[in-house]
Amino acid sequence: MTLTMTSKLAVAAVVSAVALAAGAGVAQADPHPPPGPPWVPGGPGNPLPPGQGYLPPPGHRADYDNVVPVWAPPAPPPPPWAPWLPVVWNADLPAWGVWWNGGFIQL
Protein backbone atom coordinates (compact mmCIF):
# COMPACT_ATOMS: atom_id res chain seq x y z
CA MET A 1 0.00 0.00 0.00
CA THR A 2 1.19 3.41 -0.74
CA LEU A 3 0.97 6.48 1.38
CA THR A 4 -1.95 7.85 -0.59
CA MET A 5 -3.94 4.63 -0.12
CA THR A 6 -3.26 4.74 3.60
CA SER A 7 -4.26 8.38 3.85
CA LYS A 8 -7.42 7.73 1.85
CA LEU A 9 -8.28 4.84 4.15
CA ALA A 10 -7.61 7.00 7.20
CA VAL A 11 -9.77 9.85 5.85
CA ALA A 12 -12.58 7.41 5.06
CA ALA A 13 -12.40 5.98 8.60
CA VAL A 14 -12.48 9.46 10.15
CA VAL A 15 -15.45 10.52 7.99
CA SER A 16 -17.31 7.31 8.92
CA ALA A 17 -16.58 7.81 12.62
CA VAL A 18 -17.76 11.43 12.49
CA ALA A 19 -20.97 10.40 10.72
CA LEU A 20 -21.70 7.69 13.30
CA ALA A 21 -20.86 9.98 16.21
CA ALA A 22 -23.15 12.73 14.91
CA GLY A 23 -26.04 10.27 14.61
CA ALA A 24 -25.48 8.90 18.11
CA GLY A 25 -25.76 12.24 19.89
CA VAL A 26 -27.41 12.74 23.27
CA ALA A 27 -31.18 12.51 23.07
CA GLN A 28 -32.90 15.86 23.44
CA ALA A 29 -36.35 14.65 24.49
CA ASP A 30 -38.81 16.98 26.14
CA PRO A 31 -38.91 16.56 29.93
CA HIS A 32 -42.07 15.25 31.52
CA PRO A 33 -44.52 17.97 32.54
CA PRO A 34 -45.20 18.35 36.27
CA PRO A 35 -48.02 16.16 37.58
CA GLY A 36 -51.49 17.66 37.59
CA PRO A 37 -53.73 18.18 40.57
CA PRO A 38 -55.11 15.08 42.33
CA TRP A 39 -58.43 13.67 41.17
CA VAL A 40 -61.21 14.93 43.41
CA PRO A 41 -64.69 13.52 42.68
CA GLY A 42 -67.19 16.33 42.48
CA GLY A 43 -64.44 18.92 42.13
CA PRO A 44 -63.97 21.32 39.23
CA GLY A 45 -63.85 19.37 35.99
CA ASN A 46 -64.67 16.06 37.74
CA PRO A 47 -68.44 15.72 37.98
CA LEU A 48 -70.02 12.97 40.00
CA PRO A 49 -71.62 10.07 38.12
CA PRO A 50 -75.28 10.48 37.25
CA GLY A 51 -77.78 9.72 39.97
CA GLN A 52 -80.56 11.30 41.97
CA GLY A 53 -79.51 14.05 44.35
CA TYR A 54 -75.95 14.05 42.94
CA LEU A 55 -75.40 10.54 44.33
CA PRO A 56 -73.86 7.71 42.30
CA PRO A 57 -76.16 5.21 40.58
CA PRO A 58 -77.56 2.33 42.67
CA GLY A 59 -75.01 -0.30 43.62
CA HIS A 60 -72.04 2.08 43.46
CA ARG A 61 -71.88 3.04 47.14
CA ALA A 62 -71.47 0.63 50.01
CA ASP A 63 -73.70 2.56 52.41
CA TYR A 64 -76.64 2.28 50.00
CA ASP A 65 -76.15 -1.37 49.02
CA ASN A 66 -78.57 -2.67 51.66
CA VAL A 67 -81.45 -0.61 50.27
CA VAL A 68 -83.82 -2.76 48.25
CA PRO A 69 -84.60 -1.18 44.86
CA VAL A 70 -88.21 -0.63 43.86
CA TRP A 71 -87.92 -2.98 40.89
CA ALA A 72 -86.85 -5.94 43.06
CA PRO A 73 -89.36 -8.79 43.49
CA PRO A 74 -90.78 -9.30 46.97
CA ALA A 75 -88.64 -11.16 49.47
CA PRO A 76 -89.08 -14.96 49.44
CA PRO A 77 -89.63 -16.87 52.68
CA PRO A 78 -86.58 -18.19 54.56
CA PRO A 79 -85.21 -21.49 53.29
CA PRO A 80 -86.67 -24.63 54.91
CA TRP A 81 -83.19 -25.88 55.85
CA ALA A 82 -82.45 -22.66 57.84
CA PRO A 83 -85.66 -20.87 58.87
CA TRP A 84 -83.75 -18.78 61.47
CA LEU A 85 -81.61 -16.97 58.86
CA PRO A 86 -82.87 -13.54 57.75
CA VAL A 87 -83.53 -13.10 54.04
CA VAL A 88 -81.58 -10.08 52.76
CA TRP A 89 -81.10 -8.26 49.46
CA ASN A 90 -77.63 -8.51 47.91
CA ALA A 91 -77.01 -5.56 45.59
CA ASP A 92 -73.90 -7.19 44.09
CA LEU A 93 -75.87 -10.06 42.49
CA PRO A 94 -78.78 -8.48 42.63
CA ALA A 95 -80.87 -11.14 44.33
CA TRP A 96 -82.51 -12.21 47.57
CA GLY A 97 -80.71 -14.73 49.71
CA VAL A 98 -79.19 -15.59 53.06
CA TRP A 99 -75.68 -15.30 54.47
CA TRP A 100 -74.36 -18.64 55.65
CA ASN A 101 -70.79 -19.19 56.96
CA GLY A 102 -69.52 -16.02 55.31
CA GLY A 103 -71.01 -16.82 51.90
CA PHE A 104 -74.17 -15.57 50.22
CA ILE A 105 -76.65 -18.23 49.09
CA GLN A 106 -79.13 -16.99 46.52
CA LEU A 107 -82.75 -18.06 46.98
PDB file of N, CA and C in Angstrom:
ATOM      1  N   MET A   1       0.846  -1.184   0.000  1.00  0.00           N
ATOM      2  CA  MET A   1       0.000   0.000   0.000  1.00  0.00           C
ATOM      3  C   MET A   1       0.885   1.237   0.000  1.00  0.00           C
ATOM      4  N   THR A   2       0.436   2.164  -0.678  1.00  0.00           N
ATOM      5  CA  THR A   2       1.188   3.408  -0.740  1.00  0.00           C
ATOM      6  C   THR A   2       0.684   4.380   0.292  1.00  0.00           C
ATOM      7  N   LEU A   3       1.353   5.477   0.408  1.00  0.00           N
ATOM      8  CA  LEU A   3       0.974   6.483   1.379  1.00  0.00           C
ATOM      9  C   LEU A   3      -0.375   7.096   1.034  1.00  0.00           C
ATOM     10  N   THR A   4      -0.666   7.266  -0.193  1.00  0.00           N
ATOM     11  CA  THR A   4      -1.947   7.848  -0.587  1.00  0.00           C
ATOM     12  C   THR A   4      -3.098   6.888  -0.292  1.00  0.00           C
ATOM     13  N   MET A   5      -2.885   5.610  -0.440  1.00  0.00           N
ATOM     14  CA  MET A   5      -3.942   4.631  -0.117  1.00  0.00           C
ATOM     15  C   MET A   5      -4.199   4.614   1.381  1.00  0.00           C
ATOM     16  N   THR A   6      -3.115   4.722   2.156  1.00  0.00           N
ATOM     17  CA  THR A   6      -3.259   4.735   3.603  1.00  0.00           C
ATOM     18  C   THR A   6      -3.971   5.996   4.052  1.00  0.00           C
ATOM     19  N   SER A   7      -3.617   7.131   3.463  1.00  0.00           N
ATOM     20  CA  SER A   7      -4.261   8.382   3.853  1.00  0.00           C
ATOM     21  C   SER A   7      -5.729   8.389   3.434  1.00  0.00           C
ATOM     22  N   LYS A   8      -6.022   7.811   2.276  1.00  0.00           N
ATOM     23  CA  LYS A   8      -7.418   7.726   1.845  1.00  0.00           C
ATOM     24  C   LYS A   8      -8.222   6.832   2.792  1.00  0.00           C
ATOM     25  N   LEU A   9      -7.611   5.750   3.213  1.00  0.00           N
ATOM     26  CA  LEU A   9      -8.276   4.844   4.146  1.00  0.00           C
ATOM     27  C   LEU A   9      -8.486   5.520   5.500  1.00  0.00           C
ATOM     28  N   ALA A  10      -7.484   6.286   5.926  1.00  0.00           N
ATOM     29  CA  ALA A  10      -7.610   7.004   7.202  1.00  0.00           C
ATOM     30  C   ALA A  10      -8.682   8.082   7.120  1.00  0.00           C
ATOM     31  N   VAL A  11      -8.739   8.811   6.031  1.00  0.00           N
ATOM     32  CA  VAL A  11      -9.766   9.852   5.852  1.00  0.00           C
ATOM     33  C   VAL A  11     -11.150   9.213   5.799  1.00  0.00           C
ATOM     34  N   ALA A  12     -11.285   8.102   5.125  1.00  0.00           N
ATOM     35  CA  ALA A  12     -12.585   7.412   5.057  1.00  0.00           C
ATOM     36  C   ALA A  12     -13.008   6.921   6.439  1.00  0.00           C
ATOM     37  N   ALA A  13     -12.084   6.438   7.238  1.00  0.00           N
ATOM     38  CA  ALA A  13     -12.398   5.978   8.595  1.00  0.00           C
ATOM     39  C   ALA A  13     -12.816   7.144   9.477  1.00  0.00           C
ATOM     40  N   VAL A  14     -12.120   8.280   9.348  1.00  0.00           N
ATOM     41  CA  VAL A  14     -12.477   9.464  10.151  1.00  0.00           C
ATOM     42  C   VAL A  14     -13.845   9.981   9.747  1.00  0.00           C
ATOM     43  N   VAL A  15     -14.141  10.042   8.461  1.00  0.00           N
ATOM     44  CA  VAL A  15     -15.448  10.517   7.988  1.00  0.00           C
ATOM     45  C   VAL A  15     -16.552   9.578   8.468  1.00  0.00           C
ATOM     46  N   SER A  16     -16.312   8.285   8.432  1.00  0.00           N
ATOM     47  CA  SER A  16     -17.310   7.314   8.920  1.00  0.00           C
ATOM     48  C   SER A  16     -17.526   7.467  10.420  1.00  0.00           C
ATOM     49  N   ALA A  17     -16.461   7.651  11.169  1.00  0.00           N
ATOM     50  CA  ALA A  17     -16.580   7.808  12.620  1.00  0.00           C
ATOM     51  C   ALA A  17     -17.333   9.087  12.967  1.00  0.00           C
ATOM     52  N   VAL A  18     -17.048  10.166  12.245  1.00  0.00           N
ATOM     53  CA  VAL A  18     -17.760  11.427  12.495  1.00  0.00           C
ATOM     54  C   VAL A  18     -19.243  11.269  12.165  1.00  0.00           C
ATOM     55  N   ALA A  19     -19.567  10.590  11.092  1.00  0.00           N
ATOM     56  CA  ALA A  19     -20.975  10.404  10.722  1.00  0.00           C
ATOM     57  C   ALA A  19     -21.702   9.563  11.764  1.00  0.00           C
ATOM     58  N   LEU A  20     -21.063   8.514  12.263  1.00  0.00           N
ATOM     59  CA  LEU A  20     -21.698   7.692  13.297  1.00  0.00           C
ATOM     60  C   LEU A  20     -21.822   8.444  14.610  1.00  0.00           C
ATOM     61  N   ALA A  21     -20.826   9.239  14.954  1.00  0.00           N
ATOM     62  CA  ALA A  21     -20.856   9.985  16.207  1.00  0.00           C
ATOM     63  C   ALA A  21     -21.934  11.061  16.171  1.00  0.00           C
ATOM     64  N   ALA A  22     -22.127  11.685  15.011  1.00  0.00           N
ATOM     65  CA  ALA A  22     -23.148  12.726  14.906  1.00  0.00           C
ATOM     66  C   ALA A  22     -24.548  12.121  15.029  1.00  0.00           C
ATOM     67  N   GLY A  23     -24.731  10.914  14.522  1.00  0.00           N
ATOM     68  CA  GLY A  23     -26.042  10.271  14.608  1.00  0.00           C
ATOM     69  C   GLY A  23     -26.337   9.688  15.973  1.00  0.00           C
ATOM     70  N   ALA A  24     -25.289   9.492  16.789  1.00  0.00           N
ATOM     71  CA  ALA A  24     -25.476   8.900  18.110  1.00  0.00           C
ATOM     72  C   ALA A  24     -25.369   9.957  19.198  1.00  0.00           C
ATOM     73  N   GLY A  25     -25.840  11.157  18.912  1.00  0.00           N
ATOM     74  CA  GLY A  25     -25.762  12.242  19.888  1.00  0.00           C
ATOM     75  C   GLY A  25     -26.681  11.988  21.074  1.00  0.00           C
ATOM     76  N   VAL A  26     -26.582  12.848  22.066  1.00  0.00           N
ATOM     77  CA  VAL A  26     -27.408  12.736  23.267  1.00  0.00           C
ATOM     78  C   VAL A  26     -28.851  13.079  22.906  1.00  0.00           C
ATOM     79  N   ALA A  27     -29.774  12.276  23.380  1.00  0.00           N
ATOM     80  CA  ALA A  27     -31.182  12.509  23.069  1.00  0.00           C
ATOM     81  C   ALA A  27     -31.643  13.818  23.697  1.00  0.00           C
ATOM     82  N   GLN A  28     -32.391  14.570  22.963  1.00  0.00           N
ATOM     83  CA  GLN A  28     -32.895  15.859  23.438  1.00  0.00           C
ATOM     84  C   GLN A  28     -34.416  15.785  23.569  1.00  0.00           C
ATOM     85  N   ALA A  29     -34.907  14.823  24.331  1.00  0.00           N
ATOM     86  CA  ALA A  29     -36.349  14.650  24.493  1.00  0.00           C
ATOM     87  C   ALA A  29     -36.899  15.712  25.437  1.00  0.00           C
ATOM     88  N   ASP A  30     -38.156  16.021  25.254  1.00  0.00           N
ATOM     89  CA  ASP A  30     -38.809  16.977  26.144  1.00  0.00           C
ATOM     90  C   ASP A  30     -38.953  16.356  27.524  1.00  0.00           C
ATOM     91  N   PRO A  31     -38.717  17.110  28.582  1.00  0.00           N
ATOM     92  CA  PRO A  31     -38.907  16.558  29.925  1.00  0.00           C
ATOM     93  C   PRO A  31     -40.391  16.369  30.212  1.00  0.00           C
ATOM     94  N   HIS A  32     -40.675  15.488  31.154  1.00  0.00           N
ATOM     95  CA  HIS A  32     -42.070  15.254  31.520  1.00  0.00           C
ATOM     96  C   HIS A  32     -42.646  16.497  32.170  1.00  0.00           C
ATOM     97  N   PRO A  33     -43.908  16.825  31.875  1.00  0.00           N
ATOM     98  CA  PRO A  33     -44.518  17.970  32.543  1.00  0.00           C
ATOM     99  C   PRO A  33     -44.766  17.646  34.018  1.00  0.00           C
ATOM    100  N   PRO A  34     -44.917  18.637  34.855  1.00  0.00           N
ATOM    101  CA  PRO A  34     -45.197  18.351  36.268  1.00  0.00           C
ATOM    102  C   PRO A  34     -46.560  17.678  36.400  1.00  0.00           C
ATOM    103  N   PRO A  35     -46.736  16.846  37.421  1.00  0.00           N
ATOM    104  CA  PRO A  35     -48.020  16.161  37.583  1.00  0.00           C
ATOM    105  C   PRO A  35     -49.145  17.156  37.850  1.00  0.00           C
ATOM    106  N   GLY A  36     -50.326  16.800  37.404  1.00  0.00           N
ATOM    107  CA  GLY A  36     -51.487  17.659  37.591  1.00  0.00           C
ATOM    108  C   GLY A  36     -52.045  17.537  38.991  1.00  0.00           C
ATOM    109  N   PRO A  37     -53.120  18.251  39.236  1.00  0.00           N
ATOM    110  CA  PRO A  37     -53.726  18.176  40.570  1.00  0.00           C
ATOM    111  C   PRO A  37     -54.343  16.796  40.796  1.00  0.00           C
ATOM    112  N   PRO A  38     -54.511  16.399  42.058  1.00  0.00           N
ATOM    113  CA  PRO A  38     -55.108  15.085  42.327  1.00  0.00           C
ATOM    114  C   PRO A  38     -56.562  15.053  41.894  1.00  0.00           C
ATOM    115  N   TRP A  39     -57.044  13.840  41.598  1.00  0.00           N
ATOM    116  CA  TRP A  39     -58.431  13.674  41.170  1.00  0.00           C
ATOM    117  C   TRP A  39     -59.336  13.779  42.381  1.00  0.00           C
ATOM    118  N   VAL A  40     -60.265  14.721  42.321  1.00  0.00           N
ATOM    119  CA  VAL A  40     -61.213  14.930  43.412  1.00  0.00           C
ATOM    120  C   VAL A  40     -62.609  14.751  42.834  1.00  0.00           C
ATOM    121  N   PRO A  41     -63.341  13.680  43.217  1.00  0.00           N
ATOM    122  CA  PRO A  41     -64.691  13.522  42.675  1.00  0.00           C
ATOM    123  C   PRO A  41     -65.579  14.667  43.124  1.00  0.00           C
ATOM    124  N   GLY A  42     -66.298  15.219  42.186  1.00  0.00           N
ATOM    125  CA  GLY A  42     -67.188  16.330  42.480  1.00  0.00           C
ATOM    126  C   GLY A  42     -66.497  17.668  42.444  1.00  0.00           C
ATOM    127  N   GLY A  43     -65.190  17.677  42.198  1.00  0.00           N
ATOM    128  CA  GLY A  43     -64.444  18.925  42.132  1.00  0.00           C
ATOM    129  C   GLY A  43     -64.579  19.553  40.753  1.00  0.00           C
ATOM    130  N   PRO A  44     -63.896  20.660  40.538  1.00  0.00           N
ATOM    131  CA  PRO A  44     -63.972  21.317  39.228  1.00  0.00           C
ATOM    132  C   PRO A  44     -63.440  20.405  38.126  1.00  0.00           C
ATOM    133  N   GLY A  45     -64.237  20.217  37.107  1.00  0.00           N
ATOM    134  CA  GLY A  45     -63.852  19.368  35.987  1.00  0.00           C
ATOM    135  C   GLY A  45     -64.016  17.886  36.236  1.00  0.00           C
ATOM    136  N   ASN A  46     -64.464  17.473  37.404  1.00  0.00           N
ATOM    137  CA  ASN A  46     -64.673  16.058  37.738  1.00  0.00           C
ATOM    138  C   ASN A  46     -66.082  15.868  38.299  1.00  0.00           C
ATOM    139  N   PRO A  47     -67.080  15.864  37.447  1.00  0.00           N
ATOM    140  CA  PRO A  47     -68.440  15.724  37.977  1.00  0.00           C
ATOM    141  C   PRO A  47     -68.677  14.337  38.540  1.00  0.00           C
ATOM    142  N   LEU A  48     -69.626  14.259  39.445  1.00  0.00           N
ATOM    143  CA  LEU A  48     -70.018  12.966  39.998  1.00  0.00           C
ATOM    144  C   LEU A  48     -70.779  12.174  38.943  1.00  0.00           C
ATOM    145  N   PRO A  49     -70.837  10.850  39.061  1.00  0.00           N
ATOM    146  CA  PRO A  49     -71.619  10.066  38.117  1.00  0.00           C
ATOM    147  C   PRO A  49     -73.094  10.407  38.237  1.00  0.00           C
ATOM    148  N   PRO A  50     -73.866  10.110  37.203  1.00  0.00           N
ATOM    149  CA  PRO A  50     -75.277  10.480  37.248  1.00  0.00           C
ATOM    150  C   PRO A  50     -76.034   9.693  38.310  1.00  0.00           C
ATOM    151  N   GLY A  51     -76.952  10.344  38.945  1.00  0.00           N
ATOM    152  CA  GLY A  51     -77.777   9.724  39.972  1.00  0.00           C
ATOM    153  C   GLY A  51     -78.699  10.765  40.561  1.00  0.00           C
ATOM    154  N   GLN A  52     -79.626  10.350  41.367  1.00  0.00           N
ATOM    155  CA  GLN A  52     -80.556  11.296  41.969  1.00  0.00           C
ATOM    156  C   GLN A  52     -79.887  11.992  43.144  1.00  0.00           C
ATOM    157  N   GLY A  53     -80.079  13.290  43.261  1.00  0.00           N
ATOM    158  CA  GLY A  53     -79.509  14.052  44.354  1.00  0.00           C
ATOM    159  C   GLY A  53     -77.995  14.084  44.319  1.00  0.00           C
ATOM    160  N   TYR A  54     -77.401  14.025  43.122  1.00  0.00           N
ATOM    161  CA  TYR A  54     -75.950  14.046  42.943  1.00  0.00           C
ATOM    162  C   TYR A  54     -75.264  12.854  43.605  1.00  0.00           C
ATOM    163  N   LEU A  55     -75.973  11.760  43.801  1.00  0.00           N
ATOM    164  CA  LEU A  55     -75.397  10.538  44.334  1.00  0.00           C
ATOM    165  C   LEU A  55     -75.097   9.590  43.181  1.00  0.00           C
ATOM    166  N   PRO A  56     -74.163   8.678  43.358  1.00  0.00           N
ATOM    167  CA  PRO A  56     -73.863   7.712  42.304  1.00  0.00           C
ATOM    168  C   PRO A  56     -75.066   6.805  42.033  1.00  0.00           C
ATOM    169  N   PRO A  57     -75.075   6.127  40.889  1.00  0.00           N
ATOM    170  CA  PRO A  57     -76.164   5.209  40.576  1.00  0.00           C
ATOM    171  C   PRO A  57     -76.259   4.092  41.613  1.00  0.00           C
ATOM    172  N   PRO A  58     -77.397   3.413  41.693  1.00  0.00           N
ATOM    173  CA  PRO A  58     -77.560   2.333  42.674  1.00  0.00           C
ATOM    174  C   PRO A  58     -76.481   1.263  42.504  1.00  0.00           C
ATOM    175  N   GLY A  59     -76.020   0.744  43.631  1.00  0.00           N
ATOM    176  CA  GLY A  59     -75.014  -0.297  43.618  1.00  0.00           C
ATOM    177  C   GLY A  59     -73.593   0.207  43.564  1.00  0.00           C
ATOM    178  N   HIS A  60     -73.379   1.529  43.549  1.00  0.00           N
ATOM    179  CA  HIS A  60     -72.035   2.075  43.459  1.00  0.00           C
ATOM    180  C   HIS A  60     -71.541   2.679  44.768  1.00  0.00           C
ATOM    181  N   ARG A  61     -72.319   2.566  45.833  1.00  0.00           N
ATOM    182  CA  ARG A  61     -71.883   3.040  47.143  1.00  0.00           C
ATOM    183  C   ARG A  61     -72.218   1.984  48.169  1.00  0.00           C
ATOM    184  N   ALA A  62     -71.278   1.712  49.046  1.00  0.00           N
ATOM    185  CA  ALA A  62     -71.466   0.630  50.011  1.00  0.00           C
ATOM    186  C   ALA A  62     -72.547   0.952  51.037  1.00  0.00           C
ATOM    187  N   ASP A  63     -72.718   2.241  51.393  1.00  0.00           N
ATOM    188  CA  ASP A  63     -73.699   2.563  52.414  1.00  0.00           C
ATOM    189  C   ASP A  63     -75.131   2.503  51.882  1.00  0.00           C
ATOM    190  N   TYR A  64     -75.308   2.400  50.571  1.00  0.00           N
ATOM    191  CA  TYR A  64     -76.638   2.277  49.995  1.00  0.00           C
ATOM    192  C   TYR A  64     -76.918   0.887  49.438  1.00  0.00           C
ATOM    193  N   ASP A  65     -75.972  -0.038  49.602  1.00  0.00           N
ATOM    194  CA  ASP A  65     -76.152  -1.368  49.018  1.00  0.00           C
ATOM    195  C   ASP A  65     -77.252  -2.168  49.700  1.00  0.00           C
ATOM    196  N   ASN A  66     -77.559  -1.892  50.958  1.00  0.00           N
ATOM    197  CA  ASN A  66     -78.573  -2.669  51.659  1.00  0.00           C
ATOM    198  C   ASN A  66     -79.982  -2.172  51.393  1.00  0.00           C
ATOM    199  N   VAL A  67     -80.129  -1.118  50.613  1.00  0.00           N
ATOM    200  CA  VAL A  67     -81.445  -0.606  50.271  1.00  0.00           C
ATOM    201  C   VAL A  67     -81.995  -1.426  49.118  1.00  0.00           C
ATOM    202  N   VAL A  68     -83.195  -1.929  49.289  1.00  0.00           N
ATOM    203  CA  VAL A  68     -83.822  -2.759  48.249  1.00  0.00           C
ATOM    204  C   VAL A  68     -84.394  -1.836  47.180  1.00  0.00           C
ATOM    205  N   PRO A  69     -84.045  -2.037  45.908  1.00  0.00           N
ATOM    206  CA  PRO A  69     -84.595  -1.184  44.858  1.00  0.00           C
ATOM    207  C   PRO A  69     -86.084  -1.461  44.642  1.00  0.00           C
ATOM    208  N   VAL A  70     -86.757  -0.496  44.058  1.00  0.00           N
ATOM    209  CA  VAL A  70     -88.205  -0.627  43.864  1.00  0.00           C
ATOM    210  C   VAL A  70     -88.540  -1.695  42.827  1.00  0.00           C
ATOM    211  N   TRP A  71     -87.627  -2.005  41.931  1.00  0.00           N
ATOM    212  CA  TRP A  71     -87.917  -2.985  40.890  1.00  0.00           C
ATOM    213  C   TRP A  71     -87.685  -4.428  41.355  1.00  0.00           C
ATOM    214  N   ALA A  72     -87.157  -4.590  42.562  1.00  0.00           N
ATOM    215  CA  ALA A  72     -86.854  -5.936  43.058  1.00  0.00           C
ATOM    216  C   ALA A  72     -88.134  -6.700  43.374  1.00  0.00           C
ATOM    217  N   PRO A  73     -88.172  -7.995  43.131  1.00  0.00           N
ATOM    218  CA  PRO A  73     -89.356  -8.787  43.494  1.00  0.00           C
ATOM    219  C   PRO A  73     -89.476  -8.845  45.019  1.00  0.00           C
ATOM    220  N   PRO A  74     -90.642  -9.200  45.523  1.00  0.00           N
ATOM    221  CA  PRO A  74     -90.785  -9.299  46.975  1.00  0.00           C
ATOM    222  C   PRO A  74     -89.871 -10.384  47.552  1.00  0.00           C
ATOM    223  N   ALA A  75     -89.552 -10.224  48.815  1.00  0.00           N
ATOM    224  CA  ALA A  75     -88.635 -11.163  49.470  1.00  0.00           C
ATOM    225  C   ALA A  75     -89.271 -12.536  49.599  1.00  0.00           C
ATOM    226  N   PRO A  76     -88.543 -13.603  49.282  1.00  0.00           N
ATOM    227  CA  PRO A  76     -89.076 -14.956  49.444  1.00  0.00           C
ATOM    228  C   PRO A  76     -89.033 -15.357  50.924  1.00  0.00           C
ATOM    229  N   PRO A  77     -89.711 -16.415  51.293  1.00  0.00           N
ATOM    230  CA  PRO A  77     -89.633 -16.874  52.682  1.00  0.00           C
ATOM    231  C   PRO A  77     -88.250 -17.455  52.975  1.00  0.00           C
ATOM    232  N   PRO A  78     -87.887 -17.585  54.239  1.00  0.00           N
ATOM    233  CA  PRO A  78     -86.583 -18.193  54.564  1.00  0.00           C
ATOM    234  C   PRO A  78     -86.524 -19.629  54.049  1.00  0.00           C
ATOM    235  N   PRO A  79     -85.329 -20.127  53.804  1.00  0.00           N
ATOM    236  CA  PRO A  79     -85.209 -21.487  53.286  1.00  0.00           C
ATOM    237  C   PRO A  79     -85.646 -22.506  54.352  1.00  0.00           C
ATOM    238  N   PRO A  80     -86.202 -23.641  53.929  1.00  0.00           N
ATOM    239  CA  PRO A  80     -86.670 -24.632  54.913  1.00  0.00           C
ATOM    240  C   PRO A  80     -85.518 -25.268  55.698  1.00  0.00           C
ATOM    241  N   TRP A  81     -84.323 -25.283  55.158  1.00  0.00           N
ATOM    242  CA  TRP A  81     -83.189 -25.880  55.852  1.00  0.00           C
ATOM    243  C   TRP A  81     -82.563 -24.938  56.869  1.00  0.00           C
ATOM    244  N   ALA A  82     -82.970 -23.631  56.862  1.00  0.00           N
ATOM    245  CA  ALA A  82     -82.451 -22.662  57.841  1.00  0.00           C
ATOM    246  C   ALA A  82     -83.492 -21.562  58.053  1.00  0.00           C
ATOM    247  N   PRO A  83     -84.604 -21.884  58.720  1.00  0.00           N
ATOM    248  CA  PRO A  83     -85.657 -20.874  58.869  1.00  0.00           C
ATOM    249  C   PRO A  83     -85.249 -19.722  59.793  1.00  0.00           C
ATOM    250  N   TRP A  84     -84.168 -19.842  60.555  1.00  0.00           N
ATOM    251  CA  TRP A  84     -83.752 -18.777  61.466  1.00  0.00           C
ATOM    252  C   TRP A  84     -82.911 -17.699  60.778  1.00  0.00           C
ATOM    253  N   LEU A  85     -82.440 -17.948  59.557  1.00  0.00           N
ATOM    254  CA  LEU A  85     -81.607 -16.969  58.855  1.00  0.00           C
ATOM    255  C   LEU A  85     -82.483 -15.879  58.229  1.00  0.00           C
ATOM    256  N   PRO A  86     -82.100 -14.613  58.380  1.00  0.00           N
ATOM    257  CA  PRO A  86     -82.874 -13.542  57.747  1.00  0.00           C
ATOM    258  C   PRO A  86     -82.602 -13.485  56.247  1.00  0.00           C
ATOM    259  N   VAL A  87     -83.640 -13.254  55.495  1.00  0.00           N
ATOM    260  CA  VAL A  87     -83.528 -13.099  54.038  1.00  0.00           C
ATOM    261  C   VAL A  87     -83.166 -11.641  53.764  1.00  0.00           C
ATOM    262  N   VAL A  88     -82.072 -11.437  53.044  1.00  0.00           N
ATOM    263  CA  VAL A  88     -81.584 -10.079  52.764  1.00  0.00           C
ATOM    264  C   VAL A  88     -81.401  -9.893  51.263  1.00  0.00           C
ATOM    265  N   TRP A  89     -81.345  -8.623  50.850  1.00  0.00           N
ATOM    266  CA  TRP A  89     -81.102  -8.261  49.455  1.00  0.00           C
ATOM    267  C   TRP A  89     -79.599  -8.056  49.268  1.00  0.00           C
ATOM    268  N   ASN A  90     -79.042  -8.682  48.241  1.00  0.00           N
ATOM    269  CA  ASN A  90     -77.634  -8.510  47.906  1.00  0.00           C
ATOM    270  C   ASN A  90     -77.556  -7.693  46.624  1.00  0.00           C
ATOM    271  N   ALA A  91     -77.062  -6.456  46.750  1.00  0.00           N
ATOM    272  CA  ALA A  91     -77.009  -5.562  45.586  1.00  0.00           C
ATOM    273  C   ALA A  91     -75.916  -5.958  44.607  1.00  0.00           C
ATOM    274  N   ASP A  92     -74.961  -6.781  45.016  1.00  0.00           N
ATOM    275  CA  ASP A  92     -73.904  -7.195  44.089  1.00  0.00           C
ATOM    276  C   ASP A  92     -74.413  -8.205  43.068  1.00  0.00           C
ATOM    277  N   LEU A  93     -75.407  -9.028  43.426  1.00  0.00           N
ATOM    278  CA  LEU A  93     -75.869 -10.064  42.491  1.00  0.00           C
ATOM    279  C   LEU A  93     -76.886  -9.586  41.447  1.00  0.00           C
ATOM    280  N   PRO A  94     -77.829  -8.884  41.599  1.00  0.00           N
ATOM    281  CA  PRO A  94     -78.779  -8.479  42.626  1.00  0.00           C
ATOM    282  C   PRO A  94     -79.824  -9.585  42.832  1.00  0.00           C
ATOM    283  N   ALA A  95     -79.956 -10.031  44.046  1.00  0.00           N
ATOM    284  CA  ALA A  95     -80.871 -11.137  44.334  1.00  0.00           C
ATOM    285  C   ALA A  95     -81.136 -11.207  45.830  1.00  0.00           C
ATOM    286  N   TRP A  96     -82.209 -11.917  46.173  1.00  0.00           N
ATOM    287  CA  TRP A  96     -82.512 -12.214  47.571  1.00  0.00           C
ATOM    288  C   TRP A  96     -81.767 -13.476  47.965  1.00  0.00           C
ATOM    289  N   GLY A  97     -81.402 -13.544  49.246  1.00  0.00           N
ATOM    290  CA  GLY A  97     -80.712 -14.730  49.708  1.00  0.00           C
ATOM    291  C   GLY A  97     -80.399 -14.627  51.190  1.00  0.00           C
ATOM    292  N   VAL A  98     -79.598 -15.552  51.657  1.00  0.00           N
ATOM    293  CA  VAL A  98     -79.192 -15.586  53.057  1.00  0.00           C
ATOM    294  C   VAL A  98     -77.671 -15.688  53.126  1.00  0.00           C
ATOM    295  N   TRP A  99     -77.108 -15.167  54.216  1.00  0.00           N
ATOM    296  CA  TRP A  99     -75.681 -15.296  54.472  1.00  0.00           C
ATOM    297  C   TRP A  99     -75.474 -16.506  55.362  1.00  0.00           C
ATOM    298  N   TRP A 100     -74.604 -17.411  54.914  1.00  0.00           N
ATOM    299  CA  TRP A 100     -74.362 -18.641  55.654  1.00  0.00           C
ATOM    300  C   TRP A 100     -72.865 -18.920  55.636  1.00  0.00           C
ATOM    301  N   ASN A 101     -72.233 -18.931  56.804  1.00  0.00           N
ATOM    302  CA  ASN A 101     -70.794 -19.195  56.958  1.00  0.00           C
ATOM    303  C   ASN A 101     -69.948 -18.276  56.096  1.00  0.00           C
ATOM    304  N   GLY A 102     -70.288 -17.003  56.039  1.00  0.00           N
ATOM    305  CA  GLY A 102     -69.515 -16.022  55.307  1.00  0.00           C
ATOM    306  C   GLY A 102     -69.780 -16.002  53.811  1.00  0.00           C
ATOM    307  N   GLY A 103     -70.681 -16.809  53.314  1.00  0.00           N
ATOM    308  CA  GLY A 103     -71.013 -16.823  51.895  1.00  0.00           C
ATOM    309  C   GLY A 103     -72.479 -16.512  51.674  1.00  0.00           C
ATOM    310  N   PHE A 104     -72.781 -15.912  50.550  1.00  0.00           N
ATOM    311  CA  PHE A 104     -74.171 -15.566  50.224  1.00  0.00           C
ATOM    312  C   PHE A 104     -74.774 -16.675  49.380  1.00  0.00           C
ATOM    313  N   ILE A 105     -75.944 -17.162  49.813  1.00  0.00           N
ATOM    314  CA  ILE A 105     -76.655 -18.227  49.086  1.00  0.00           C
ATOM    315  C   ILE A 105     -77.914 -17.605  48.517  1.00  0.00           C
ATOM    316  N   GLN A 106     -77.991 -17.596  47.197  1.00  0.00           N
ATOM    317  CA  GLN A 106     -79.131 -16.994  46.518  1.00  0.00           C
ATOM    318  C   GLN A 106     -80.353 -17.894  46.622  1.00  0.00           C
ATOM    319  N   LEU A 107     -81.490 -17.285  46.901  1.00  0.00           N
ATOM    320  CA  LEU A 107     -82.747 -18.058  46.978  1.00  0.00           C
ATOM    321  C   LEU A 107     -83.514 -17.963  45.689  1.00  0.00           C
TER     322      LEU A 107
END
